[in-house]
Amino acid sequence: MISFLDFEKPIADLEARIAELRATAENGQLDIASEIDKLEKKSAALLKSTYAKLSPWQKTQVARHPQRPHFLDYVDHMFEDFMPLGGDRRFGEDEAILGGPARLNGRKVMLIGHEKGHDTASRLKHNFGMGKPEGYRKAVRLMEMAGKFGLPVITLVDTAGAFPGVEAEERGQSEAIARSTEACLSLPVPMVAVIVGEGGSGGAVAIASGERVLMLEHAVYSVISPEGASSILWRTPDKAADAAEAMKVTAQDLLSLGVIDRIVAEPLGGAHRDVTATASALASAIGEELDGLSGLAPAELTARREERFLKIGRG
């Protein structure tokens, strides 16, 4: 059953009415098929018009939807033969960042990404997708392995940011993020990064610094959360919507600014409404990007990566 966001309340009310009428029809009390059909069309039209004009803050809410697909959902729907590899060989395992070799439509790849979890237990296990130093060092290890064996790297980014806890700082969080970003930029193999939900701060950039950066239609990507920016600028998180508008967090804004290279369309109403269709569109887009990068020499790949980031903001 779909969970509705606050701005979807009119749609939720219609869907509740449709469910009531269906229950009545199933009990054989009335023949109200035409009324149900009318309401279903009205609900579909309202959903379409609502999602055609989402504000940046509403897109942020969609990107954070509790039912939005995460890394393991994409593994199930897009990849074959995924073999998760754990540990950074220094401290331990970080369940917020997962990765390992896999196949995408028969192509061997190295897959890395954030996993947020879907319920209380899994969210705690995966630390809500907030990576710790050992997670980013694991990402570096996997990228180095990919370079050694000639595997293109695919990353699925979905994090509010790197874990800000004291223990993470004690173990060198900023250094680990910097090393992971450096590993991305120096990869001798193609790298395609996809922002599938939230792309928050250095915790996202650390595994998103590829020569091609894609975003799902309703994902967001920013240096800080709208609430965080609001708290700094206005001393209150209540102006998060204004902050989201000013920060240009949406895929559409970021494409126009040259921060990302491509937007992948989501099903009407968001990725959570049809995970299979979302995964299919994403697999096709990633495959096309990898086809375009195949055959390029390592020096050309690193030069492209460097150039795409240096040109951001040049106008």
C-alpha atoms as a PDB file:
ATOM      1  CA  MET A   1       0.000   0.000   0.000  1.00  0.00           C
ATOM      2  CA  ILE A   2       1.366   3.411  -0.992  1.00  0.00           C
ATOM      3  CA  SER A   3       2.152   5.920   1.762  1.00  0.00           C
ATOM      4  CA  PHE A   4       1.033   9.393   0.754  1.00  0.00           C
ATOM      5  CA  LEU A   5       3.062  12.528   1.389  1.00  0.00           C
ATOM      6  CA  ASP A   6       1.513  15.674   2.875  1.00  0.00           C
ATOM      7  CA  PHE A   7       1.112  17.418  -0.474  1.00  0.00           C
ATOM      8  CA  GLU A   8      -0.604  14.301  -1.865  1.00  0.00           C
ATOM      9  CA  LYS A   9      -3.542  14.530   0.562  1.00  0.00           C
ATOM     10  CA  PRO A  10      -6.153  15.313  -2.153  1.00  0.00           C
ATOM     11  CA  ILE A  11      -4.967  12.222  -4.042  1.00  0.00           C
ATOM     12  CA  ALA A  12      -5.051  10.152  -0.847  1.00  0.00           C
ATOM     13  CA  ASP A  13      -8.651  11.251  -0.200  1.00  0.00           C
ATOM     14  CA  LEU A  14      -9.698  10.168  -3.693  1.00  0.00           C
ATOM     15  CA  GLU A  15      -7.931   6.815  -3.357  1.00  0.00           C
ATOM     16  CA  ALA A  16      -9.629   6.226   0.000  1.00  0.00           C
ATOM     17  CA  ARG A  17     -13.014   6.947  -1.599  1.00  0.00           C
ATOM     18  CA  ILE A  18     -12.238   4.552  -4.462  1.00  0.00           C
ATOM     19  CA  ALA A  19     -11.287   1.836  -1.964  1.00  0.00           C
ATOM     20  CA  GLU A  20     -14.570   2.316  -0.119  1.00  0.00           C
ATOM     21  CA  LEU A  21     -16.577   2.053  -3.341  1.00  0.00           C
ATOM     22  CA  ARG A  22     -14.689  -1.075  -4.379  1.00  0.00           C
ATOM     23  CA  ALA A  23     -15.468  -2.689  -1.035  1.00  0.00           C
ATOM     24  CA  THR A  24     -19.135  -1.823  -1.504  1.00  0.00           C
ATOM     25  CA  ALA A  25     -19.138  -3.253  -5.033  1.00  0.00           C
ATOM     26  CA  GLU A  26     -17.470  -6.481  -3.888  1.00  0.00           C
ATOM     27  CA  ASN A  27     -20.218  -6.952  -1.327  1.00  0.00           C
ATOM     28  CA  GLY A  28     -22.712  -6.869  -4.182  1.00  0.00           C
ATOM     29  CA  GLN A  29     -24.671  -4.025  -2.701  1.00  0.00           C
ATOM     30  CA  LEU A  30     -24.504  -1.675  -5.709  1.00  0.00           C
ATOM     31  CA  ASP A  31     -23.326  -1.559  -9.296  1.00  0.00           C
ATOM     32  CA  ILE A  32     -21.018   1.428  -9.109  1.00  0.00           C
ATOM     33  CA  ALA A  33     -18.361   0.491 -11.654  1.00  0.00           C
ATOM     34  CA  SER A  34     -18.903   3.675 -13.635  1.00  0.00           C
ATOM     35  CA  GLU A  35     -18.475   5.832 -10.510  1.00  0.00           C
ATOM     36  CA  ILE A  36     -15.268   3.997  -9.615  1.00  0.00           C
ATOM     37  CA  ASP A  37     -13.944   4.462 -13.144  1.00  0.00           C
ATOM     38  CA  LYS A  38     -14.736   8.170 -12.999  1.00  0.00           C
ATOM     39  CA  LEU A  39     -12.912   8.606  -9.694  1.00  0.00           C
ATOM     40  CA  GLU A  40      -9.903   6.579 -10.909  1.00  0.00           C
ATOM     41  CA  LYS A  41      -9.542   8.869 -13.912  1.00  0.00           C
ATOM     42  CA  LYS A  42      -9.845  11.910 -11.678  1.00  0.00           C
ATOM     43  CA  SER A  43      -7.194  10.524  -9.314  1.00  0.00           C
ATOM     44  CA  ALA A  44      -4.808   9.774 -12.201  1.00  0.00           C
ATOM     45  CA  ALA A  45      -5.290  13.266 -13.621  1.00  0.00           C
ATOM     46  CA  LEU A  46      -4.694  14.841 -10.211  1.00  0.00           C
ATOM     47  CA  LEU A  47      -1.541  12.768  -9.705  1.00  0.00           C
ATOM     48  CA  LYS A  48      -0.234  13.841 -13.099  1.00  0.00           C
ATOM     49  CA  SER A  49      -0.947  17.532 -12.547  1.00  0.00           C
ATOM     50  CA  THR A  50       0.542  17.435  -9.035  1.00  0.00           C
ATOM     51  CA  TYR A  51       3.813  15.835 -10.147  1.00  0.00           C
ATOM     52  CA  ALA A  52       4.095  18.143 -13.140  1.00  0.00           C
ATOM     53  CA  LYS A  53       4.660  21.133 -10.849  1.00  0.00           C
ATOM     54  CA  LEU A  54       6.499  19.854  -7.782  1.00  0.00           C
ATOM     55  CA  SER A  55       8.460  22.444  -5.852  1.00  0.00           C
ATOM     56  CA  PRO A  56      12.082  21.703  -4.852  1.00  0.00           C
ATOM     57  CA  TRP A  57      10.928  20.990  -1.300  1.00  0.00           C
ATOM     58  CA  GLN A  58       8.251  18.588  -2.522  1.00  0.00           C
ATOM     59  CA  LYS A  59      10.862  16.824  -4.651  1.00  0.00           C
ATOM     60  CA  THR A  60      12.996  16.515  -1.535  1.00  0.00           C
ATOM     61  CA  GLN A  61      10.084  14.808   0.190  1.00  0.00           C
ATOM     62  CA  VAL A  62       9.677  12.407  -2.745  1.00  0.00           C
ATOM     63  CA  ALA A  63      13.421  11.654  -2.689  1.00  0.00           C
ATOM     64  CA  ARG A  64      13.042  10.740   1.002  1.00  0.00           C
ATOM     65  CA  HIS A  65       9.827   8.745   0.613  1.00  0.00           C
ATOM     66  CA  PRO A  66       9.930   5.774   3.032  1.00  0.00           C
ATOM     67  CA  GLN A  67       9.005   3.378   0.217  1.00  0.00           C
ATOM     68  CA  ARG A  68      11.480   4.753  -2.329  1.00  0.00           C
ATOM     69  CA  PRO A  69      13.731   1.984  -3.701  1.00  0.00           C
ATOM     70  CA  HIS A  70      17.248   1.792  -2.298  1.00  0.00           C
ATOM     71  CA  PHE A  71      20.462   0.001  -3.246  1.00  0.00           C
ATOM     72  CA  LEU A  72      19.311  -3.536  -2.445  1.00  0.00           C
ATOM     73  CA  ASP A  73      16.055  -3.007  -4.349  1.00  0.00           C
ATOM     74  CA  TYR A  74      18.047  -2.067  -7.443  1.00  0.00           C
ATOM     75  CA  VAL A  75      20.289  -5.091  -6.923  1.00  0.00           C
ATOM     76  CA  ASP A  76      17.185  -7.295  -6.997  1.00  0.00           C
ATOM     77  CA  HIS A  77      15.645  -5.608 -10.051  1.00  0.00           C
ATOM     78  CA  MET A  78      18.659  -4.657 -12.198  1.00  0.00           C
ATOM     79  CA  PHE A  79      21.723  -6.745 -11.475  1.00  0.00           C
ATOM     80  CA  GLU A  80      22.704 -10.386 -11.592  1.00  0.00           C
ATOM     81  CA  ASP A  81      25.366 -12.308  -9.664  1.00  0.00           C
ATOM     82  CA  PHE A  82      25.972  -9.532  -7.143  1.00  0.00           C
ATOM     83  CA  MET A  83      28.590 -10.648  -4.623  1.00  0.00           C
ATOM     84  CA  PRO A  84      28.851  -8.222  -1.680  1.00  0.00           C
ATOM     85  CA  LEU A  85      32.356  -7.709  -0.335  1.00  0.00           C
ATOM     86  CA  GLY A  86      32.784  -6.412   3.200  1.00  0.00           C
ATOM     87  CA  GLY A  87      35.344  -4.614   5.296  1.00  0.00           C
ATOM     88  CA  ASP A  88      37.939  -1.925   4.729  1.00  0.00           C
ATOM     89  CA  ARG A  89      40.857  -4.109   5.933  1.00  0.00           C
ATOM     90  CA  ARG A  90      41.590  -1.487   8.611  1.00  0.00           C
ATOM     91  CA  PHE A  91      38.734  -1.248  11.080  1.00  0.00           C
ATOM     92  CA  GLY A  92      35.636  -3.195  10.131  1.00  0.00           C
ATOM     93  CA  GLU A  93      32.479  -3.415   8.076  1.00  0.00           C
ATOM     94  CA  ASP A  94      30.116  -0.537   7.336  1.00  0.00           C
ATOM     95  CA  GLU A  95      26.623  -1.601   6.289  1.00  0.00           C
ATOM     96  CA  ALA A  96      25.718   1.903   5.079  1.00  0.00           C
ATOM     97  CA  ILE A  97      27.887   1.495   1.981  1.00  0.00           C
ATOM     98  CA  LEU A  98      27.586  -1.795   0.119  1.00  0.00           C
ATOM     99  CA  GLY A  99      29.430  -3.026  -2.923  1.00  0.00           C
ATOM    100  CA  GLY A 100      30.886  -5.837  -4.925  1.00  0.00           C
ATOM    101  CA  PRO A 101      31.133  -7.299  -8.443  1.00  0.00           C
ATOM    102  CA  ALA A 102      27.911  -7.850 -10.363  1.00  0.00           C
ATOM    103  CA  ARG A 103      26.506  -8.074 -13.879  1.00  0.00           C
ATOM    104  CA  LEU A 104      24.291  -5.505 -15.587  1.00  0.00           C
ATOM    105  CA  ASN A 105      22.636  -7.030 -18.653  1.00  0.00           C
ATOM    106  CA  GLY A 106      25.526  -9.456 -18.894  1.00  0.00           C
ATOM    107  CA  ARG A 107      28.221  -6.795 -18.495  1.00  0.00           C
ATOM    108  CA  LYS A 108      30.643  -7.311 -15.595  1.00  0.00           C
ATOM    109  CA  VAL A 109      30.751  -4.261 -13.329  1.00  0.00           C
ATOM    110  CA  MET A 110      31.766  -3.143  -9.846  1.00  0.00           C
ATOM    111  CA  LEU A 111      28.664  -1.905  -8.027  1.00  0.00           C
ATOM    112  CA  ILE A 112      28.878   0.425  -5.000  1.00  0.00           C
ATOM    113  CA  GLY A 113      26.162   2.387  -3.225  1.00  0.00           C
ATOM    114  CA  HIS A 114      24.399   3.592  -0.101  1.00  0.00           C
ATOM    115  CA  GLU A 115      21.705   1.494   1.537  1.00  0.00           C
ATOM    116  CA  LYS A 116      19.223   3.245   3.864  1.00  0.00           C
ATOM    117  CA  GLY A 117      16.950   0.353   4.840  1.00  0.00           C
ATOM    118  CA  HIS A 118      13.137   0.203   4.783  1.00  0.00           C
ATOM    119  CA  ASP A 119      12.089  -0.461   8.380  1.00  0.00           C
ATOM    120  CA  THR A 120      13.401   0.353  11.828  1.00  0.00           C
ATOM    121  CA  ALA A 121      15.655  -2.705  12.097  1.00  0.00           C
ATOM    122  CA  SER A 122      17.194  -2.352   8.631  1.00  0.00           C
ATOM    123  CA  ARG A 123      17.586   1.415   8.959  1.00  0.00           C
ATOM    124  CA  LEU A 124      19.524   0.958  12.168  1.00  0.00           C
ATOM    125  CA  LYS A 125      21.598  -1.813  10.596  1.00  0.00           C
ATOM    126  CA  HIS A 126      22.492   0.397   7.624  1.00  0.00           C
ATOM    127  CA  ASN A 127      22.806   3.565   9.742  1.00  0.00           C
ATOM    128  CA  PHE A 128      20.197   5.306   7.583  1.00  0.00           C
ATOM    129  CA  GLY A 129      22.648   5.277   4.654  1.00  0.00           C
ATOM    130  CA  MET A 130      25.157   7.527   6.434  1.00  0.00           C
ATOM    131  CA  GLY A 131      28.593   6.107   5.689  1.00  0.00           C
ATOM    132  CA  LYS A 132      31.430   5.938   8.196  1.00  0.00           C
ATOM    133  CA  PRO A 133      35.168   6.096   7.380  1.00  0.00           C
ATOM    134  CA  GLU A 134      35.376   2.328   7.011  1.00  0.00           C
ATOM    135  CA  GLY A 135      32.561   2.484   4.441  1.00  0.00           C
ATOM    136  CA  TYR A 136      34.397   4.986   2.268  1.00  0.00           C
ATOM    137  CA  ARG A 137      37.652   3.071   2.677  1.00  0.00           C
ATOM    138  CA  LYS A 138      35.783  -0.048   1.547  1.00  0.00           C
ATOM    139  CA  ALA A 139      34.602   1.921  -1.497  1.00  0.00           C
ATOM    140  CA  VAL A 140      38.222   2.840  -2.247  1.00  0.00           C
ATOM    141  CA  ARG A 141      39.226  -0.829  -1.959  1.00  0.00           C
ATOM    142  CA  LEU A 142      36.498  -1.865  -4.386  1.00  0.00           C
ATOM    143  CA  MET A 143      37.382   0.882  -6.863  1.00  0.00           C
ATOM    144  CA  GLU A 144      41.023  -0.173  -6.800  1.00  0.00           C
ATOM    145  CA  MET A 145      39.911  -3.758  -7.403  1.00  0.00           C
ATOM    146  CA  ALA A 146      37.764  -2.599 -10.325  1.00  0.00           C
ATOM    147  CA  GLY A 147      40.749  -0.787 -11.832  1.00  0.00           C
ATOM    148  CA  LYS A 148      42.934  -3.857 -11.463  1.00  0.00           C
ATOM    149  CA  PHE A 149      40.440  -6.176 -13.177  1.00  0.00           C
ATOM    150  CA  GLY A 150      39.091  -3.706 -15.750  1.00  0.00           C
ATOM    151  CA  LEU A 151      35.563  -3.519 -14.378  1.00  0.00           C
ATOM    152  CA  PRO A 152      33.542  -0.339 -15.004  1.00  0.00           C
ATOM    153  CA  VAL A 153      32.247   1.190 -11.779  1.00  0.00           C
ATOM    154  CA  ILE A 154      28.580   1.989 -11.131  1.00  0.00           C
ATOM    155  CA  THR A 155      27.609   3.861  -7.981  1.00  0.00           C
ATOM    156  CA  LEU A 156      24.092   4.400  -6.615  1.00  0.00           C
ATOM    157  CA  VAL A 157      24.096   7.433  -4.335  1.00  0.00           C
ATOM    158  CA  ASP A 158      21.426   7.858  -1.664  1.00  0.00           C
ATOM    159  CA  THR A 159      22.522   9.494   1.563  1.00  0.00           C
ATOM    160  CA  ALA A 160      21.653  12.522   3.665  1.00  0.00           C
ATOM    161  CA  GLY A 161      25.403  12.818   4.235  1.00  0.00           C
ATOM    162  CA  ALA A 162      28.315  11.013   5.844  1.00  0.00           C
ATOM    163  CA  PHE A 163      27.841   9.978   9.472  1.00  0.00           C
ATOM    164  CA  PRO A 164      28.688  12.975  11.729  1.00  0.00           C
ATOM    165  CA  GLY A 165      29.311  11.040  14.963  1.00  0.00           C
ATOM    166  CA  VAL A 166      32.346  11.512  17.185  1.00  0.00           C
ATOM    167  CA  GLU A 167      33.616   7.990  16.495  1.00  0.00           C
ATOM    168  CA  ALA A 168      33.568   8.671  12.758  1.00  0.00           C
ATOM    169  CA  GLU A 169      35.640  11.799  13.235  1.00  0.00           C
ATOM    170  CA  GLU A 170      38.045   9.881  15.472  1.00  0.00           C
ATOM    171  CA  ARG A 171      38.591   7.355  12.685  1.00  0.00           C
ATOM    172  CA  GLY A 172      39.267  10.023  10.043  1.00  0.00           C
ATOM    173  CA  GLN A 173      35.952  10.727   8.328  1.00  0.00           C
ATOM    174  CA  SER A 174      37.113  13.721   6.268  1.00  0.00           C
ATOM    175  CA  GLU A 175      40.292  11.959   5.155  1.00  0.00           C
ATOM    176  CA  ALA A 176      38.327   8.857   4.130  1.00  0.00           C
ATOM    177  CA  ILE A 177      35.888  10.974   2.086  1.00  0.00           C
ATOM    178  CA  ALA A 178      38.787  12.782   0.399  1.00  0.00           C
ATOM    179  CA  ARG A 179      40.517   9.481  -0.425  1.00  0.00           C
ATOM    180  CA  SER A 180      37.308   8.080  -1.868  1.00  0.00           C
ATOM    181  CA  THR A 181      36.788  11.168  -4.036  1.00  0.00           C
ATOM    182  CA  GLU A 182      40.407  10.889  -5.193  1.00  0.00           C
ATOM    183  CA  ALA A 183      39.885   7.210  -6.027  1.00  0.00           C
ATOM    184  CA  CYS A 184      36.883   8.123  -8.206  1.00  0.00           C
ATOM    185  CA  LEU A 185      38.820  10.790 -10.088  1.00  0.00           C
ATOM    186  CA  SER A 186      41.831   8.550 -10.723  1.00  0.00           C
ATOM    187  CA  LEU A 187      39.980   5.410 -11.840  1.00  0.00           C
ATOM    188  CA  PRO A 188      41.459   3.869 -15.011  1.00  0.00           C
ATOM    189  CA  VAL A 189      38.034   2.411 -15.918  1.00  0.00           C
ATOM    190  CA  PRO A 190      34.687   4.031 -16.804  1.00  0.00           C
ATOM    191  CA  MET A 191      32.559   5.284 -13.900  1.00  0.00           C
ATOM    192  CA  VAL A 192      28.862   6.143 -13.975  1.00  0.00           C
ATOM    193  CA  ALA A 193      27.333   7.594 -10.805  1.00  0.00           C
ATOM    194  CA  VAL A 194      23.584   7.856 -10.253  1.00  0.00           C
ATOM    195  CA  ILE A 195      21.833   9.955  -7.610  1.00  0.00           C
ATOM    196  CA  VAL A 196      18.821   7.724  -6.917  1.00  0.00           C
ATOM    197  CA  GLY A 197      17.451   9.501  -3.827  1.00  0.00           C
ATOM    198  CA  GLU A 198      19.280  12.036  -1.718  1.00  0.00           C
ATOM    199  CA  GLY A 199      22.749  13.190  -2.673  1.00  0.00           C
ATOM    200  CA  GLY A 200      23.953  14.883   0.473  1.00  0.00           C
ATOM    201  CA  SER A 201      27.252  16.757   0.784  1.00  0.00           C
ATOM    202  CA  GLY A 202      30.683  15.087   0.736  1.00  0.00           C
ATOM    203  CA  GLY A 203      29.117  11.795   1.715  1.00  0.00           C
ATOM    204  CA  ALA A 204      27.568  11.708  -1.751  1.00  0.00           C
ATOM    205  CA  VAL A 205      30.413  13.290  -3.739  1.00  0.00           C
ATOM    206  CA  ALA A 206      32.823  10.684  -2.351  1.00  0.00           C
ATOM    207  CA  ILE A 207      31.295   8.004  -4.571  1.00  0.00           C
ATOM    208  CA  ALA A 208      29.744  10.249  -7.242  1.00  0.00           C
ATOM    209  CA  SER A 209      32.807  11.809  -8.882  1.00  0.00           C
ATOM    210  CA  GLY A 210      32.598   9.938 -12.168  1.00  0.00           C
ATOM    211  CA  GLU A 211      32.826  11.153 -15.737  1.00  0.00           C
ATOM    212  CA  ARG A 212      29.065  10.673 -16.102  1.00  0.00           C
ATOM    213  CA  VAL A 213      26.663  11.656 -13.315  1.00  0.00           C
ATOM    214  CA  LEU A 214      22.972  10.806 -13.682  1.00  0.00           C
ATOM    215  CA  MET A 215      19.977  11.616 -11.497  1.00  0.00           C
ATOM    216  CA  LEU A 216      16.546  10.132 -11.178  1.00  0.00           C
ATOM    217  CA  GLU A 217      13.838  12.655 -11.997  1.00  0.00           C
ATOM    218  CA  HIS A 218      12.774  13.307  -8.395  1.00  0.00           C
ATOM    219  CA  ALA A 219      16.149  12.871  -6.680  1.00  0.00           C
ATOM    220  CA  VAL A 220      17.931  15.797  -5.015  1.00  0.00           C
ATOM    221  CA  TYR A 221      21.636  16.677  -4.769  1.00  0.00           C
ATOM    222  CA  SER A 222      23.040  19.399  -2.537  1.00  0.00           C
ATOM    223  CA  VAL A 223      25.953  20.487  -0.361  1.00  0.00           C
ATOM    224  CA  ILE A 224      23.709  20.503   2.737  1.00  0.00           C
ATOM    225  CA  SER A 225      20.141  19.519   3.523  1.00  0.00           C
ATOM    226  CA  PRO A 226      17.455  22.206   3.135  1.00  0.00           C
ATOM    227  CA  GLU A 227      16.800  21.992   6.880  1.00  0.00           C
ATOM    228  CA  GLY A 228      20.496  22.463   7.604  1.00  0.00           C
ATOM    229  CA  ALA A 229      20.753  25.461   5.298  1.00  0.00           C
ATOM    230  CA  SER A 230      17.617  26.964   6.835  1.00  0.00           C
ATOM    231  CA  SER A 231      19.029  26.540  10.332  1.00  0.00           C
ATOM    232  CA  ILE A 232      22.224  28.348   9.336  1.00  0.00           C
ATOM    233  CA  LEU A 233      20.630  31.166   7.347  1.00  0.00           C
ATOM    234  CA  TRP A 234      17.460  31.791   9.346  1.00  0.00           C
ATOM    235  CA  ARG A 235      18.286  30.139  12.685  1.00  0.00           C
ATOM    236  CA  THR A 236      15.305  27.819  12.235  1.00  0.00           C
ATOM    237  CA  PRO A 237      14.605  24.686  10.158  1.00  0.00           C
ATOM    238  CA  ASP A 238      11.124  26.001   9.377  1.00  0.00           C
ATOM    239  CA  LYS A 239      12.270  27.710   6.177  1.00  0.00           C
ATOM    240  CA  ALA A 240      13.528  24.491   4.582  1.00  0.00           C
ATOM    241  CA  ALA A 241      11.221  24.998   1.594  1.00  0.00           C
ATOM    242  CA  ASP A 242      12.753  28.429   0.918  1.00  0.00           C
ATOM    243  CA  ALA A 243      16.236  26.977   1.288  1.00  0.00           C
ATOM    244  CA  ALA A 244      15.486  24.142  -1.150  1.00  0.00           C
ATOM    245  CA  GLU A 245      14.274  26.691  -3.704  1.00  0.00           C
ATOM    246  CA  ALA A 246      17.396  28.832  -3.348  1.00  0.00           C
ATOM    247  CA  MET A 247      19.846  25.905  -3.352  1.00  0.00           C
ATOM    248  CA  LYS A 248      18.777  24.494  -6.745  1.00  0.00           C
ATOM    249  CA  VAL A 249      18.652  20.920  -5.454  1.00  0.00           C
ATOM    250  CA  THR A 250      16.540  19.339  -8.203  1.00  0.00           C
ATOM    251  CA  ALA A 251      17.747  17.275 -11.127  1.00  0.00           C
ATOM    252  CA  GLN A 252      16.290  19.797 -13.548  1.00  0.00           C
ATOM    253  CA  ASP A 253      18.209  22.710 -11.990  1.00  0.00           C
ATOM    254  CA  LEU A 254      21.428  20.745 -11.734  1.00  0.00           C
ATOM    255  CA  LEU A 255      21.258  19.623 -15.349  1.00  0.00           C
ATOM    256  CA  SER A 256      20.955  23.246 -16.467  1.00  0.00           C
ATOM    257  CA  LEU A 257      23.935  24.160 -14.268  1.00  0.00           C
ATOM    258  CA  GLY A 258      26.091  21.357 -15.650  1.00  0.00           C
ATOM    259  CA  VAL A 259      26.432  19.577 -12.300  1.00  0.00           C
ATOM    260  CA  ILE A 260      24.866  16.400 -13.718  1.00  0.00           C
ATOM    261  CA  ASP A 261      24.776  14.999 -17.237  1.00  0.00           C
ATOM    262  CA  ARG A 262      21.435  13.251 -17.590  1.00  0.00           C
ATOM    263  CA  ILE A 263      18.023  12.857 -15.960  1.00  0.00           C
ATOM    264  CA  VAL A 264      16.373   9.425 -15.869  1.00  0.00           C
ATOM    265  CA  ALA A 265      12.575   9.625 -15.866  1.00  0.00           C
ATOM    266  CA  GLU A 266      10.596   8.048 -13.040  1.00  0.00           C
ATOM    267  CA  PRO A 267       7.126   6.508 -13.242  1.00  0.00           C
ATOM    268  CA  LEU A 268       4.291   8.956 -12.636  1.00  0.00           C
ATOM    269  CA  GLY A 269       4.127   9.592  -8.897  1.00  0.00           C
ATOM    270  CA  GLY A 270       7.729   8.625  -8.152  1.00  0.00           C
ATOM    271  CA  ALA A 271      10.018   5.611  -8.237  1.00  0.00           C
ATOM    272  CA  HIS A 272       8.263   3.988  -5.270  1.00  0.00           C
ATOM    273  CA  ARG A 273       5.084   3.503  -7.306  1.00  0.00           C
ATOM    274  CA  ASP A 274       6.774   1.175  -9.817  1.00  0.00           C
ATOM    275  CA  VAL A 275      10.212  -0.094  -8.812  1.00  0.00           C
ATOM    276  CA  THR A 276      10.433  -2.463 -11.776  1.00  0.00           C
ATOM    277  CA  ALA A 277       9.864   0.305 -14.328  1.00  0.00           C
ATOM    278  CA  THR A 278      12.327   2.589 -12.536  1.00  0.00           C
ATOM    279  CA  ALA A 279      15.006  -0.094 -12.484  1.00  0.00           C
ATOM    280  CA  SER A 280      14.435  -0.877 -16.167  1.00  0.00           C
ATOM    281  CA  ALA A 281      14.834   2.774 -17.181  1.00  0.00           C
ATOM    282  CA  LEU A 282      17.913   3.131 -15.009  1.00  0.00           C
ATOM    283  CA  ALA A 283      19.515  -0.031 -16.384  1.00  0.00           C
ATOM    284  CA  SER A 284      19.002   1.200 -19.948  1.00  0.00           C
ATOM    285  CA  ALA A 285      20.456   4.632 -19.180  1.00  0.00           C
ATOM    286  CA  ILE A 286      23.508   3.234 -17.410  1.00  0.00           C
ATOM    287  CA  GLY A 287      24.070   0.727 -20.213  1.00  0.00           C
ATOM    288  CA  GLU A 288      23.984   3.503 -22.808  1.00  0.00           C
ATOM    289  CA  GLU A 289      26.469   5.578 -20.813  1.00  0.00           C
ATOM    290  CA  LEU A 290      28.855   2.650 -20.414  1.00  0.00           C
ATOM    291  CA  ASP A 291      28.603   1.892 -24.140  1.00  0.00           C
ATOM    292  CA  GLY A 292      29.651   5.471 -24.852  1.00  0.00           C
ATOM    293  CA  LEU A 293      32.642   5.208 -22.528  1.00  0.00           C
ATOM    294  CA  SER A 294      33.869   1.768 -23.552  1.00  0.00           C
ATOM    295  CA  GLY A 295      37.139   1.691 -25.424  1.00  0.00           C
ATOM    296  CA  LEU A 296      38.420   4.975 -24.009  1.00  0.00           C
ATOM    297  CA  ALA A 297      41.972   4.939 -22.681  1.00  0.00           C
ATOM    298  CA  PRO A 298      42.522   5.488 -18.930  1.00  0.00           C
ATOM    299  CA  ALA A 299      44.126   8.876 -19.602  1.00  0.00           C
ATOM    300  CA  GLU A 300      41.076   9.999 -21.578  1.00  0.00           C
ATOM    301  CA  LEU A 301      38.707   8.857 -18.822  1.00  0.00           C
ATOM    302  CA  THR A 302      40.562  10.724 -16.073  1.00  0.00           C
ATOM    303  CA  ALA A 303      40.855  13.818 -18.289  1.00  0.00           C
ATOM    304  CA  ARG A 304      37.093  13.792 -18.908  1.00  0.00           C
ATOM    305  CA  ARG A 305      36.430  13.428 -15.200  1.00  0.00           C
ATOM    306  CA  GLU A 306      38.708  16.339 -14.365  1.00  0.00           C
ATOM    307  CA  GLU A 307      37.233  18.550 -17.064  1.00  0.00           C
ATOM    308  CA  ARG A 308      33.596  17.917 -16.140  1.00  0.00           C
ATOM    309  CA  PHE A 309      34.196  19.046 -12.575  1.00  0.00           C
ATOM    310  CA  LEU A 310      36.416  21.991 -13.417  1.00  0.00           C
ATOM    311  CA  LYS A 311      33.878  23.420 -15.861  1.00  0.00           C
ATOM    312  CA  ILE A 312      31.062  23.520 -13.277  1.00  0.00           C
ATOM    313  CA  GLY A 313      30.293  27.142 -12.539  1.00  0.00           C
ATOM    314  CA  ARG A 314      32.259  28.564 -15.458  1.00  0.00           C
ATOM    315  CA  GLY A 315      29.015  29.873 -16.943  1.00  0.00           C
END
